């Protein structure tokens, strides 16, 4: 059973009812080709009963680990992403999430939110962005390098 499962029977009994909720859980399989994995998830949301179901608004927070795609040093960073989704008894595939009786499971919502925000090519912000800018030759340096001479003769 997921640690992100929430009983919402009290909300379903009162249309318009609202409740804040915070849950945390460790989820496996939160890795991509570039990111080795993510740490425990913390989900801080407000649940609100509307006519169609339960609206879940808030944030998902975790830490991810990877190797820098430029210098290959290990790095970890915090990821915080906003969520604003609808849980309903008959979900629309790919658009809403399933409300199962009087419970909703935030696991798939959290997975979707985190995996979509993980970087495709993580890199060190301070070291590598500064290093990339200084490693790129300027136009003036290209003109002095005889290997680039043939390109300067081209007419575009």
Protein backbone atom coordinates (compact mmCIF):
# COMPACT_ATOMS: atom_id res chain seq x y z
CA UNK A 1 0.00 0.00 0.00
CA UNK A 2 1.29 3.44 -0.97
CA UNK A 3 2.23 5.94 1.72
CA UNK A 4 0.59 8.55 -0.49
CA UNK A 5 -2.95 7.16 -0.14
CA UNK A 6 -5.41 9.58 1.51
CA UNK A 7 -8.91 8.97 2.89
CA UNK A 8 -11.23 11.73 1.65
CA UNK A 9 -14.58 10.45 3.00
CA UNK A 10 -14.99 13.62 5.09
CA UNK A 11 -14.59 15.81 1.99
CA UNK A 12 -16.98 13.74 -0.12
CA UNK A 13 -19.71 14.20 2.48
CA UNK A 14 -19.56 18.00 2.20
CA UNK A 15 -19.48 19.70 -1.23
CA UNK A 16 -17.09 22.64 -1.22
CA UNK A 17 -15.13 21.25 1.74
CA UNK A 18 -11.39 21.87 1.79
CA UNK A 19 -8.53 20.32 3.76
CA UNK A 20 -4.74 20.73 3.85
CA UNK A 21 -2.74 17.54 3.75
CA UNK A 22 0.97 16.66 3.98
CA UNK A 23 2.32 13.19 3.28
CA UNK A 24 5.75 11.74 2.59
CA UNK A 25 6.90 8.49 1.06
CA UNK A 26 9.84 6.76 -0.56
CA UNK A 27 9.10 5.80 -4.17
CA UNK A 28 11.17 3.45 -6.30
CA UNK A 29 11.72 3.98 -10.00
CA UNK A 30 12.08 7.75 -10.09
CA UNK A 31 15.10 7.64 -12.38
CA UNK A 32 15.67 8.74 -15.94
CA UNK A 33 18.53 8.11 -18.33
CA UNK A 34 20.41 11.11 -16.88
CA UNK A 35 19.25 11.12 -13.24
CA UNK A 36 20.20 8.21 -10.99
CA UNK A 37 17.21 8.65 -8.72
CA UNK A 38 15.26 10.84 -6.37
CA UNK A 39 14.98 10.79 -2.60
CA UNK A 40 11.87 10.67 -0.45
CA UNK A 41 8.91 12.67 -1.73
CA UNK A 42 7.08 15.24 0.35
CA UNK A 43 3.63 16.19 -0.90
CA UNK A 44 1.97 19.31 0.58
CA UNK A 45 -1.45 19.85 -0.95
CA UNK A 46 -4.90 21.27 -0.40
CA UNK A 47 -7.78 18.94 -1.22
CA UNK A 48 -11.08 20.48 -2.31
CA UNK A 49 -14.36 18.72 -3.09
CA UNK A 50 -15.99 20.01 -6.26
CA UNK A 51 -18.89 18.62 -8.30
CA UNK A 52 -16.62 16.46 -10.49
CA UNK A 53 -14.44 15.04 -7.73
CA UNK A 54 -11.47 16.22 -5.65
CA UNK A 55 -9.07 18.93 -6.80
CA UNK A 56 -5.52 18.53 -5.50
CA UNK A 57 -3.37 21.71 -5.45
CA UNK A 58 0.05 22.14 -3.90
CA UNK A 59 3.67 21.09 -4.25
CA UNK A 60 5.77 17.96 -4.55
CA UNK A 61 9.30 18.19 -3.15
CA UNK A 62 12.24 15.80 -3.46
CA UNK A 63 16.02 15.69 -3.96
CA UNK A 64 17.60 14.10 -7.02
CA UNK A 65 21.11 12.80 -7.67
CA UNK A 66 23.06 12.57 -10.92
CA UNK A 67 26.45 13.11 -12.49
CA UNK A 68 27.07 16.44 -14.18
CA UNK A 69 26.76 15.99 -17.95
CA UNK A 70 29.72 18.36 -18.50
CA UNK A 71 32.32 17.61 -15.81
CA UNK A 72 30.94 14.25 -14.53
CA UNK A 73 31.09 15.34 -10.88
CA UNK A 74 28.30 14.01 -8.66
CA UNK A 75 25.60 16.51 -7.82
CA UNK A 76 22.32 16.61 -5.93
CA UNK A 77 19.64 19.25 -6.06
CA UNK A 78 16.23 19.89 -4.62
CA UNK A 79 13.24 19.75 -6.94
CA UNK A 80 9.99 21.52 -6.06
CA UNK A 81 7.13 21.37 -8.53
CA UNK A 82 3.55 22.59 -8.41
CA UNK A 83 0.58 20.28 -8.93
CA UNK A 84 -3.03 21.17 -9.73
CA UNK A 85 -4.99 18.07 -10.73
CA UNK A 86 -8.47 16.57 -10.59
CA UNK A 87 -9.28 13.15 -9.12
CA UNK A 88 -12.64 11.77 -10.25
CA UNK A 89 -14.47 8.40 -10.19
CA UNK A 90 -14.37 8.08 -14.00
CA UNK A 91 -11.06 9.68 -15.02
CA UNK A 92 -10.28 10.85 -18.53
CA UNK A 93 -7.20 8.91 -19.61
CA UNK A 94 -4.13 11.15 -19.53
CA UNK A 95 -6.02 14.15 -18.15
CA UNK A 96 -7.38 13.29 -14.69
CA UNK A 97 -6.62 10.78 -11.95
CA UNK A 98 -8.79 8.06 -10.40
CA UNK A 99 -10.75 8.64 -7.19
CA UNK A 100 -11.16 5.12 -5.80
CA UNK A 101 -14.23 5.09 -3.56
CA UNK A 102 -13.36 7.40 -0.68
CA UNK A 103 -9.59 7.26 -1.22
CA UNK A 104 -7.17 8.90 -3.58
CA UNK A 105 -3.64 7.76 -4.23
CA UNK A 106 -1.19 10.58 -4.92
CA UNK A 107 1.58 8.21 -6.05
CA UNK A 108 1.00 8.52 -9.82
CA UNK A 109 0.46 12.26 -9.53
CA UNK A 110 3.76 12.63 -7.64
CA UNK A 111 5.61 10.37 -10.12
CA UNK A 112 4.30 12.33 -13.10
CA UNK A 113 5.16 15.69 -11.55
CA UNK A 114 8.71 14.70 -10.57
CA UNK A 115 9.72 12.79 -13.71
CA UNK A 116 8.55 15.63 -15.96
CA UNK A 117 10.71 18.11 -14.02
CA UNK A 118 13.91 16.07 -13.79
CA UNK A 119 16.66 17.54 -15.99
CA UNK A 120 17.53 15.81 -19.27
CA UNK A 121 21.20 16.78 -19.02
CA UNK A 122 21.98 17.86 -15.45
CA UNK A 123 24.97 20.12 -14.94
CA UNK A 124 26.69 22.09 -12.19
CA UNK A 125 25.23 25.57 -12.27
CA UNK A 126 28.21 27.47 -10.86
CA UNK A 127 31.20 25.52 -12.18
CA UNK A 128 30.11 24.29 -15.59
CA UNK A 129 28.07 27.25 -16.85
CA UNK A 130 31.02 29.53 -16.11
CA UNK A 131 33.45 26.99 -17.58
CA UNK A 132 31.44 26.53 -20.78
CA UNK A 133 31.38 30.26 -21.44
CA UNK A 134 35.16 30.62 -20.99
CA UNK A 135 35.97 27.49 -23.03
CA UNK A 136 34.11 28.71 -26.12
CA UNK A 137 36.44 30.59 -28.48
CA UNK A 138 35.42 34.12 -29.45
CA UNK A 139 35.12 35.28 -33.09
CA UNK A 140 38.41 37.10 -32.68
CA UNK A 141 40.14 33.88 -31.61
CA UNK A 142 38.61 32.03 -34.58
CA UNK A 143 40.05 34.62 -36.97
CA UNK A 144 43.57 34.11 -35.61
CA UNK A 145 43.39 30.33 -35.92
CA UNK A 146 44.49 29.22 -39.43
CA UNK A 147 42.13 26.22 -39.25
CA UNK A 148 39.17 28.64 -39.50
CA UNK A 149 40.60 30.67 -42.39
CA UNK A 150 38.71 28.75 -45.10
CA UNK A 151 35.39 29.42 -43.35
CA UNK A 152 35.98 33.19 -43.27
CA UNK A 153 36.18 33.18 -47.08
CA UNK A 154 32.67 31.73 -47.44
CA UNK A 155 29.90 34.08 -48.53
CA UNK A 156 26.59 33.45 -46.85
